[in-house]
Protein backbone atom coordinates (compact mmCIF):
# COMPACT_ATOMS: atom_id res chain seq x y z
CA MET A 1 -20.01 -23.29 28.64
CA SER A 2 -17.89 -20.93 30.71
CA VAL A 3 -17.61 -17.16 30.50
CA ASN A 4 -13.98 -17.54 29.38
CA TYR A 5 -15.08 -19.79 26.51
CA TYR A 6 -17.62 -17.23 25.23
CA TYR A 7 -15.17 -14.37 25.79
CA GLN A 8 -12.57 -16.03 23.55
CA LEU A 9 -15.21 -17.09 20.99
CA CYS A 10 -16.53 -13.52 20.76
CA GLN A 11 -12.98 -12.11 20.58
CA ASP A 12 -12.22 -14.43 17.66
CA ASN A 13 -15.36 -13.24 15.84
CA ILE A 14 -15.12 -9.44 16.21
CA GLY A 15 -16.50 -7.86 13.05
CA GLN A 16 -18.54 -10.95 12.13
CA ASP A 17 -22.32 -11.26 11.87
CA VAL A 18 -23.54 -13.57 14.62
CA GLU A 19 -26.63 -14.91 16.33
CA ILE A 20 -26.52 -15.12 20.13
CA THR A 21 -29.19 -16.81 22.25
CA ASP A 22 -29.48 -16.02 25.95
CA HIS A 23 -30.65 -18.35 28.74
CA HIS A 24 -34.21 -16.99 28.38
CA GLY A 25 -34.38 -17.99 24.70
CA LYS A 26 -34.12 -14.46 23.30
CA LYS A 27 -32.09 -14.24 20.08
CA TYR A 28 -29.83 -11.33 19.21
CA PHE A 29 -28.56 -10.74 15.68
CA GLY A 30 -25.79 -8.34 14.77
CA LYS A 31 -22.11 -7.67 14.19
CA ILE A 32 -19.72 -7.97 17.13
CA GLU A 33 -18.21 -4.54 17.76
CA LYS A 34 -16.40 -5.09 21.06
CA VAL A 35 -15.92 -7.64 23.84
CA ASP A 36 -14.86 -7.09 27.43
CA HIS A 37 -14.70 -9.56 30.33
CA GLU A 38 -18.39 -9.02 31.16
CA ASN A 39 -20.24 -8.18 27.92
CA VAL A 40 -20.26 -8.65 24.18
CA TYR A 41 -21.42 -5.59 22.22
CA LEU A 42 -23.46 -6.15 19.07
CA ARG A 43 -24.29 -3.59 16.39
CA GLN A 44 -27.84 -4.39 15.35
CA GLU A 45 -28.87 -3.24 11.90
CA PRO A 46 -32.22 -1.48 11.64
CA ALA A 47 -35.03 -3.58 10.21
CA PRO A 48 -35.80 -2.90 6.54
CA SER A 49 -38.57 -0.37 6.15
CA GLU A 50 -41.32 -0.13 3.59
CA GLN A 51 -41.38 3.64 4.04
CA THR A 52 -40.43 5.57 0.91
CA GLY A 53 -41.13 9.11 2.13
CA PRO A 54 -38.69 11.98 2.57
CA GLY A 55 -37.42 10.59 5.89
CA LEU A 56 -35.13 8.22 4.03
CA PHE A 57 -33.67 11.12 2.06
CA PHE A 58 -32.99 13.32 5.07
CA PHE A 59 -31.60 10.58 7.33
CA PRO A 60 -29.76 8.12 5.07
CA LEU A 61 -26.90 7.52 7.52
CA ALA A 62 -28.93 6.00 10.34
CA VAL A 63 -27.00 3.20 12.03
CA GLY A 64 -28.15 0.27 14.10
CA ALA A 65 -28.27 0.21 17.86
CA LEU A 66 -25.34 -1.01 19.93
CA ILE A 67 -26.45 -3.44 22.63
CA ALA A 68 -24.54 -5.19 25.41
CA ILE A 69 -25.18 -8.85 26.20
CA PRO A 70 -23.68 -10.29 29.40
CA LEU A 71 -21.26 -13.12 28.64
CA ILE A 72 -22.65 -15.06 31.59
CA GLY A 73 -26.12 -15.00 29.98
CA ILE A 74 -25.10 -16.58 26.66
CA ALA A 75 -26.61 -20.00 26.01
CA GLY A 76 -25.85 -20.29 22.30
CA PHE A 77 -23.60 -18.69 19.71
CA ARG A 78 -23.25 -19.10 15.96
CA ARG A 79 -21.90 -17.16 13.03
CA ARG A 80 -24.47 -16.07 10.47
CA ALA A 81 -24.18 -17.04 6.84
CA TYR A 82 -23.12 -14.45 4.28
CA TYR A 83 -25.81 -13.32 1.84
C-alpha cells in the first residue's frame, strides 16, 4: 500500500484504538493522536501493573508514551475491538 493510503486511513481513524504492524513485524498498539505526511503518532497506554504500593497513590495521572511510526514503514493496520 502507498504512503497516501495509510495517511488517509490514519486520518480517518484519529482518536481510535488501532494495531499497526511495521515491515519488521513489530506490532504497535495505541490510540492515534496525530498524523502528518511522514508519521502517525500513537498514544500507548501503560501496561497494567500488579504494584499496589504508594506509587499509585502519588502518581495516578501517569499517561502513556507518544510514539511516532513512519507511514512508509507500515505493513498492516487494523482497528482494535472495543472492550
